[in-house]
Amino acid sequence: TPEIGGLTPVQALEIIRGCRGLNLVGADLVEVSPPYDPQGNTALLAANLIYEILCVMPGVAYREGAER
């Protein structure tokens, strides 16, 4: 949901891509409401952000000895 002074889509992508190599446990995306998105722009952006998260997660740092 766009907020005044909130993140832009480009900033969100930069944050996600910057997580490569960090010790992450998981990620999620909230606040996608199709009834308030008649053109589907928010849904497309949400799908793109989730895709980027899925692409970054294999490159995160795993703890030594942890199962993958």
PDB file of N, CA and C in Angstrom:
ATOM      1  N   THR A   1       0.848  -1.173   0.000  1.00  0.00           N
ATOM      2  CA  THR A   1       0.000   0.000   0.000  1.00  0.00           C
ATOM      3  C   THR A   1       0.890   1.230   0.000  1.00  0.00           C
ATOM      4  N   PRO A   2       0.803   2.065  -1.009  1.00  0.00           N
ATOM      5  CA  PRO A   2       1.632   3.272  -1.010  1.00  0.00           C
ATOM      6  C   PRO A   2       1.306   4.157   0.188  1.00  0.00           C
ATOM      7  N   GLU A   3       2.316   4.649   0.796  1.00  0.00           N
ATOM      8  CA  GLU A   3       2.172   5.554   1.931  1.00  0.00           C
ATOM      9  C   GLU A   3       2.919   6.833   1.613  1.00  0.00           C
ATOM     10  N   ILE A   4       2.444   7.943   2.108  1.00  0.00           N
ATOM     11  CA  ILE A   4       3.161   9.200   1.925  1.00  0.00           C
ATOM     12  C   ILE A   4       4.520   9.065   2.587  1.00  0.00           C
ATOM     13  N   GLY A   5       5.574   9.313   1.831  1.00  0.00           N
ATOM     14  CA  GLY A   5       6.931   9.178   2.364  1.00  0.00           C
ATOM     15  C   GLY A   5       7.380   7.734   2.490  1.00  0.00           C
ATOM     16  N   GLY A   6       6.603   6.793   1.951  1.00  0.00           N
ATOM     17  CA  GLY A   6       6.953   5.372   2.041  1.00  0.00           C
ATOM     18  C   GLY A   6       7.943   4.960   0.964  1.00  0.00           C
ATOM     19  N   LEU A   7       8.246   3.672   0.940  1.00  0.00           N
ATOM     20  CA  LEU A   7       9.187   3.139  -0.039  1.00  0.00           C
ATOM     21  C   LEU A   7       8.592   3.146  -1.443  1.00  0.00           C
ATOM     22  N   THR A   8       9.456   3.377  -2.420  1.00  0.00           N
ATOM     23  CA  THR A   8       9.054   3.210  -3.811  1.00  0.00           C
ATOM     24  C   THR A   8       9.331   1.759  -4.200  1.00  0.00           C
ATOM     25  N   PRO A   9       8.744   1.280  -5.284  1.00  0.00           N
ATOM     26  CA  PRO A   9       9.051  -0.084  -5.725  1.00  0.00           C
ATOM     27  C   PRO A   9      10.547  -0.308  -5.967  1.00  0.00           C
ATOM     28  N   VAL A  10      11.218   0.684  -6.524  1.00  0.00           N
ATOM     29  CA  VAL A  10      12.662   0.559  -6.776  1.00  0.00           C
ATOM     30  C   VAL A  10      13.422   0.415  -5.463  1.00  0.00           C
ATOM     31  N   GLN A  11      13.046   1.189  -4.447  1.00  0.00           N
ATOM     32  CA  GLN A  11      13.701   1.080  -3.140  1.00  0.00           C
ATOM     33  C   GLN A  11      13.463  -0.295  -2.529  1.00  0.00           C
ATOM     34  N   ALA A  12      12.255  -0.818  -2.668  1.00  0.00           N
ATOM     35  CA  ALA A  12      11.956  -2.153  -2.131  1.00  0.00           C
ATOM     36  C   ALA A  12      12.818  -3.208  -2.816  1.00  0.00           C
ATOM     37  N   LEU A  13      12.968  -3.113  -4.139  1.00  0.00           N
ATOM     38  CA  LEU A  13      13.813  -4.062  -4.869  1.00  0.00           C
ATOM     39  C   LEU A  13      15.269  -3.955  -4.430  1.00  0.00           C
ATOM     40  N   GLU A  14      15.748  -2.732  -4.207  1.00  0.00           N
ATOM     41  CA  GLU A  14      17.132  -2.543  -3.754  1.00  0.00           C
ATOM     42  C   GLU A  14      17.349  -3.180  -2.385  1.00  0.00           C
ATOM     43  N   ILE A  15      16.377  -3.046  -1.497  1.00  0.00           N
ATOM     44  CA  ILE A  15      16.485  -3.650  -0.164  1.00  0.00           C
ATOM     45  C   ILE A  15      16.515  -5.169  -0.278  1.00  0.00           C
ATOM     46  N   ILE A  16      15.612  -5.719  -1.077  1.00  0.00           N
ATOM     47  CA  ILE A  16      15.568  -7.180  -1.246  1.00  0.00           C
ATOM     48  C   ILE A  16      16.879  -7.686  -1.815  1.00  0.00           C
ATOM     49  N   ARG A  17      17.359  -7.048  -2.877  1.00  0.00           N
ATOM     50  CA  ARG A  17      18.608  -7.486  -3.513  1.00  0.00           C
ATOM     51  C   ARG A  17      19.806  -7.289  -2.599  1.00  0.00           C
ATOM     52  N   GLY A  18      19.726  -6.320  -1.701  1.00  0.00           N
ATOM     53  CA  GLY A  18      20.805  -6.079  -0.746  1.00  0.00           C
ATOM     54  C   GLY A  18      20.869  -7.115   0.365  1.00  0.00           C
ATOM     55  N   CYS A  19      19.861  -7.969   0.470  1.00  0.00           N
ATOM     56  CA  CYS A  19      19.834  -8.999   1.515  1.00  0.00           C
ATOM     57  C   CYS A  19      20.675 -10.221   1.173  1.00  0.00           C
ATOM     58  N   ARG A  20      21.156 -10.313  -0.066  1.00  0.00           N
ATOM     59  CA  ARG A  20      21.988 -11.462  -0.454  1.00  0.00           C
ATOM     60  C   ARG A  20      23.204 -11.518   0.462  1.00  0.00           C
ATOM     61  N   GLY A  21      23.467 -12.694   1.003  1.00  0.00           N
ATOM     62  CA  GLY A  21      24.613 -12.889   1.885  1.00  0.00           C
ATOM     63  C   GLY A  21      24.309 -12.663   3.357  1.00  0.00           C
ATOM     64  N   LEU A  22      23.106 -12.175   3.682  1.00  0.00           N
ATOM     65  CA  LEU A  22      22.739 -11.975   5.085  1.00  0.00           C
ATOM     66  C   LEU A  22      22.155 -13.263   5.656  1.00  0.00           C
ATOM     67  N   ASN A  23      22.111 -13.350   6.962  1.00  0.00           N
ATOM     68  CA  ASN A  23      21.570 -14.529   7.638  1.00  0.00           C
ATOM     69  C   ASN A  23      20.059 -14.346   7.822  1.00  0.00           C
ATOM     70  N   LEU A  24      19.298 -14.641   6.779  1.00  0.00           N
ATOM     71  CA  LEU A  24      17.844 -14.486   6.821  1.00  0.00           C
ATOM     72  C   LEU A  24      17.168 -15.807   7.133  1.00  0.00           C
ATOM     73  N   VAL A  25      16.050 -15.726   7.821  1.00  0.00           N
ATOM     74  CA  VAL A  25      15.270 -16.914   8.151  1.00  0.00           C
ATOM     75  C   VAL A  25      14.054 -17.018   7.237  1.00  0.00           C
ATOM     76  N   GLY A  26      13.459 -15.902   6.882  1.00  0.00           N
ATOM     77  CA  GLY A  26      12.270 -15.925   6.040  1.00  0.00           C
ATOM     78  C   GLY A  26      11.886 -14.525   5.617  1.00  0.00           C
ATOM     79  N   ALA A  27      10.847 -14.437   4.812  1.00  0.00           N
ATOM     80  CA  ALA A  27      10.353 -13.146   4.337  1.00  0.00           C
ATOM     81  C   ALA A  27       8.880 -13.298   3.984  1.00  0.00           C
ATOM     82  N   ASP A  28       8.162 -12.185   4.007  1.00  0.00           N
ATOM     83  CA  ASP A  28       6.772 -12.222   3.581  1.00  0.00           C
ATOM     84  C   ASP A  28       6.383 -10.881   2.989  1.00  0.00           C
ATOM     85  N   LEU A  29       5.233 -10.858   2.378  1.00  0.00           N
ATOM     86  CA  LEU A  29       4.690  -9.642   1.785  1.00  0.00           C
ATOM     87  C   LEU A  29       3.255  -9.515   2.268  1.00  0.00           C
ATOM     88  N   VAL A  30       2.891  -8.346   2.745  1.00  0.00           N
ATOM     89  CA  VAL A  30       1.536  -8.138   3.268  1.00  0.00           C
ATOM     90  C   VAL A  30       0.863  -6.974   2.544  1.00  0.00           C
ATOM     91  N   GLU A  31      -0.429  -6.852   2.755  1.00  0.00           N
ATOM     92  CA  GLU A  31      -1.229  -5.733   2.272  1.00  0.00           C
ATOM     93  C   GLU A  31      -1.413  -5.691   0.762  1.00  0.00           C
ATOM     94  N   VAL A  32      -1.794  -6.802   0.169  1.00  0.00           N
ATOM     95  CA  VAL A  32      -2.226  -6.804  -1.227  1.00  0.00           C
ATOM     96  C   VAL A  32      -3.720  -7.099  -1.203  1.00  0.00           C
ATOM     97  N   SER A  33      -4.516  -6.150  -1.683  1.00  0.00           N
ATOM     98  CA  SER A  33      -5.971  -6.300  -1.635  1.00  0.00           C
ATOM     99  C   SER A  33      -6.558  -6.143  -3.038  1.00  0.00           C
ATOM    100  N   PRO A  34      -6.803  -7.258  -3.724  1.00  0.00           N
ATOM    101  CA  PRO A  34      -7.339  -7.181  -5.092  1.00  0.00           C
ATOM    102  C   PRO A  34      -8.598  -6.319  -5.255  1.00  0.00           C
ATOM    103  N   PRO A  35      -9.529  -6.292  -4.287  1.00  0.00           N
ATOM    104  CA  PRO A  35     -10.699  -5.429  -4.485  1.00  0.00           C
ATOM    105  C   PRO A  35     -10.344  -3.942  -4.618  1.00  0.00           C
ATOM    106  N   TYR A  36      -9.227  -3.527  -4.049  1.00  0.00           N
ATOM    107  CA  TYR A  36      -8.814  -2.127  -4.140  1.00  0.00           C
ATOM    108  C   TYR A  36      -7.768  -1.922  -5.232  1.00  0.00           C
ATOM    109  N   ASP A  37      -7.583  -2.903  -6.097  1.00  0.00           N
ATOM    110  CA  ASP A  37      -6.567  -2.860  -7.147  1.00  0.00           C
ATOM    111  C   ASP A  37      -7.190  -3.296  -8.477  1.00  0.00           C
ATOM    112  N   PRO A  38      -8.153  -2.512  -9.005  1.00  0.00           N
ATOM    113  CA  PRO A  38      -8.874  -2.956 -10.200  1.00  0.00           C
ATOM    114  C   PRO A  38      -7.997  -3.152 -11.441  1.00  0.00           C
ATOM    115  N   GLN A  39      -6.902  -2.409 -11.570  1.00  0.00           N
ATOM    116  CA  GLN A  39      -6.018  -2.571 -12.724  1.00  0.00           C
ATOM    117  C   GLN A  39      -4.972  -3.661 -12.511  1.00  0.00           C
ATOM    118  N   GLY A  40      -4.815  -4.136 -11.283  1.00  0.00           N
ATOM    119  CA  GLY A  40      -3.871  -5.207 -11.000  1.00  0.00           C
ATOM    120  C   GLY A  40      -2.433  -4.763 -10.811  1.00  0.00           C
ATOM    121  N   ASN A  41      -2.194  -3.451 -10.713  1.00  0.00           N
ATOM    122  CA  ASN A  41      -0.822  -2.956 -10.551  1.00  0.00           C
ATOM    123  C   ASN A  41      -0.176  -3.438  -9.260  1.00  0.00           C
ATOM    124  N   THR A  42      -0.926  -3.387  -8.166  1.00  0.00           N
ATOM    125  CA  THR A  42      -0.372  -3.814  -6.881  1.00  0.00           C
ATOM    126  C   THR A  42      -0.080  -5.307  -6.892  1.00  0.00           C
ATOM    127  N   ALA A  43      -0.967  -6.085  -7.480  1.00  0.00           N
ATOM    128  CA  ALA A  43      -0.758  -7.534  -7.552  1.00  0.00           C
ATOM    129  C   ALA A  43       0.482  -7.865  -8.383  1.00  0.00           C
ATOM    130  N   LEU A  44       0.688  -7.166  -9.495  1.00  0.00           N
ATOM    131  CA  LEU A  44       1.876  -7.396 -10.323  1.00  0.00           C
ATOM    132  C   LEU A  44       3.149  -7.014  -9.579  1.00  0.00           C
ATOM    133  N   LEU A  45       3.108  -5.886  -8.878  1.00  0.00           N
ATOM    134  CA  LEU A  45       4.271  -5.469  -8.098  1.00  0.00           C
ATOM    135  C   LEU A  45       4.544  -6.473  -6.983  1.00  0.00           C
ATOM    136  N   ALA A  46       3.495  -6.932  -6.308  1.00  0.00           N
ATOM    137  CA  ALA A  46       3.668  -7.921  -5.238  1.00  0.00           C
ATOM    138  C   ALA A  46       4.282  -9.203  -5.785  1.00  0.00           C
ATOM    139  N   ALA A  47       3.812  -9.659  -6.937  1.00  0.00           N
ATOM    140  CA  ALA A  47       4.370 -10.868  -7.546  1.00  0.00           C
ATOM    141  C   ALA A  47       5.840 -10.666  -7.897  1.00  0.00           C
ATOM    142  N   ASN A  48       6.184  -9.485  -8.396  1.00  0.00           N
ATOM    143  CA  ASN A  48       7.578  -9.189  -8.730  1.00  0.00           C
ATOM    144  C   ASN A  48       8.454  -9.180  -7.480  1.00  0.00           C
ATOM    145  N   LEU A  49       7.962  -8.579  -6.397  1.00  0.00           N
ATOM    146  CA  LEU A  49       8.741  -8.535  -5.155  1.00  0.00           C
ATOM    147  C   LEU A  49       8.939  -9.942  -4.586  1.00  0.00           C
ATOM    148  N   ILE A  50       7.901 -10.772  -4.601  1.00  0.00           N
ATOM    149  CA  ILE A  50       8.030 -12.145  -4.111  1.00  0.00           C
ATOM    150  C   ILE A  50       9.013 -12.925  -4.979  1.00  0.00           C
ATOM    151  N   TYR A  51       8.957 -12.721  -6.289  1.00  0.00           N
ATOM    152  CA  TYR A  51       9.907 -13.381  -7.193  1.00  0.00           C
ATOM    153  C   TYR A  51      11.341 -12.990  -6.826  1.00  0.00           C
ATOM    154  N   GLU A  52      11.566 -11.713  -6.588  1.00  0.00           N
ATOM    155  CA  GLU A  52      12.905 -11.249  -6.210  1.00  0.00           C
ATOM    156  C   GLU A  52      13.343 -11.874  -4.883  1.00  0.00           C
ATOM    157  N   ILE A  53      12.418 -11.963  -3.925  1.00  0.00           N
ATOM    158  CA  ILE A  53      12.745 -12.588  -2.637  1.00  0.00           C
ATOM    159  C   ILE A  53      13.151 -14.045  -2.856  1.00  0.00           C
ATOM    160  N   LEU A  54      12.389 -14.761  -3.680  1.00  0.00           N
ATOM    161  CA  LEU A  54      12.706 -16.168  -3.946  1.00  0.00           C
ATOM    162  C   LEU A  54      14.049 -16.323  -4.659  1.00  0.00           C
ATOM    163  N   CYS A  55      14.415 -15.356  -5.464  1.00  0.00           N
ATOM    164  CA  CYS A  55      15.709 -15.413  -6.156  1.00  0.00           C
ATOM    165  C   CYS A  55      16.867 -15.109  -5.213  1.00  0.00           C
ATOM    166  N   VAL A  56      16.634 -14.266  -4.213  1.00  0.00           N
ATOM    167  CA  VAL A  56      17.696 -13.872  -3.279  1.00  0.00           C
ATOM    168  C   VAL A  56      17.894 -14.926  -2.192  1.00  0.00           C
ATOM    169  N   MET A  57      16.828 -15.573  -1.747  1.00  0.00           N
ATOM    170  CA  MET A  57      16.919 -16.491  -0.609  1.00  0.00           C
ATOM    171  C   MET A  57      17.961 -17.597  -0.774  1.00  0.00           C
ATOM    172  N   PRO A  58      18.143 -18.200  -1.953  1.00  0.00           N
ATOM    173  CA  PRO A  58      19.186 -19.236  -2.054  1.00  0.00           C
ATOM    174  C   PRO A  58      20.594 -18.695  -1.822  1.00  0.00           C
ATOM    175  N   GLY A  59      20.791 -17.386  -1.957  1.00  0.00           N
ATOM    176  CA  GLY A  59      22.115 -16.809  -1.785  1.00  0.00           C
ATOM    177  C   GLY A  59      22.380 -16.248  -0.407  1.00  0.00           C
ATOM    178  N   VAL A  60      21.451 -16.455   0.540  1.00  0.00           N
ATOM    179  CA  VAL A  60      21.671 -15.927   1.882  1.00  0.00           C
ATOM    180  C   VAL A  60      22.663 -16.806   2.627  1.00  0.00           C
ATOM    181  N   ALA A  61      23.259 -16.236   3.651  1.00  0.00           N
ATOM    182  CA  ALA A  61      24.256 -16.975   4.434  1.00  0.00           C
ATOM    183  C   ALA A  61      23.551 -17.971   5.349  1.00  0.00           C
ATOM    184  N   TYR A  62      23.982 -19.212   5.312  1.00  0.00           N
ATOM    185  CA  TYR A  62      23.430 -20.242   6.193  1.00  0.00           C
ATOM    186  C   TYR A  62      24.381 -20.459   7.363  1.00  0.00           C
ATOM    187  N   ARG A  63      23.817 -20.798   8.501  1.00  0.00           N
ATOM    188  CA  ARG A  63      24.663 -21.122   9.653  1.00  0.00           C
ATOM    189  C   ARG A  63      25.410 -22.402   9.366  1.00  0.00           C
ATOM    190  N   GLU A  64      26.607 -22.466   9.867  1.00  0.00           N
ATOM    191  CA  GLU A  64      27.407 -23.670   9.688  1.00  0.00           C
ATOM    192  C   GLU A  64      26.716 -24.846  10.369  1.00  0.00           C
ATOM    193  N   GLY A  65      26.577 -25.950   9.674  1.00  0.00           N
ATOM    194  CA  GLY A  65      25.955 -27.140  10.231  1.00  0.00           C
ATOM    195  C   GLY A  65      24.444 -27.165  10.110  1.00  0.00           C
ATOM    196  N   ALA A  66      23.838 -26.083   9.612  1.00  0.00           N
ATOM    197  CA  ALA A  66      22.381 -26.056   9.469  1.00  0.00           C
ATOM    198  C   ALA A  66      21.974 -26.822   8.222  1.00  0.00           C
ATOM    199  N   GLU A  67      20.834 -27.512   8.315  1.00  0.00           N
ATOM    200  CA  GLU A  67      20.317 -28.233   7.151  1.00  0.00           C
ATOM    201  C   GLU A  67      19.785 -27.243   6.142  1.00  0.00           C
ATOM    202  N   ARG A  68      19.952 -27.582   4.865  1.00  0.00           N
ATOM    203  CA  ARG A  68      19.423 -26.709   3.813  1.00  0.00           C
ATOM    204  C   ARG A  68      18.239 -27.351   3.167  1.00  0.00           C
TER     205      ARG A  68
END
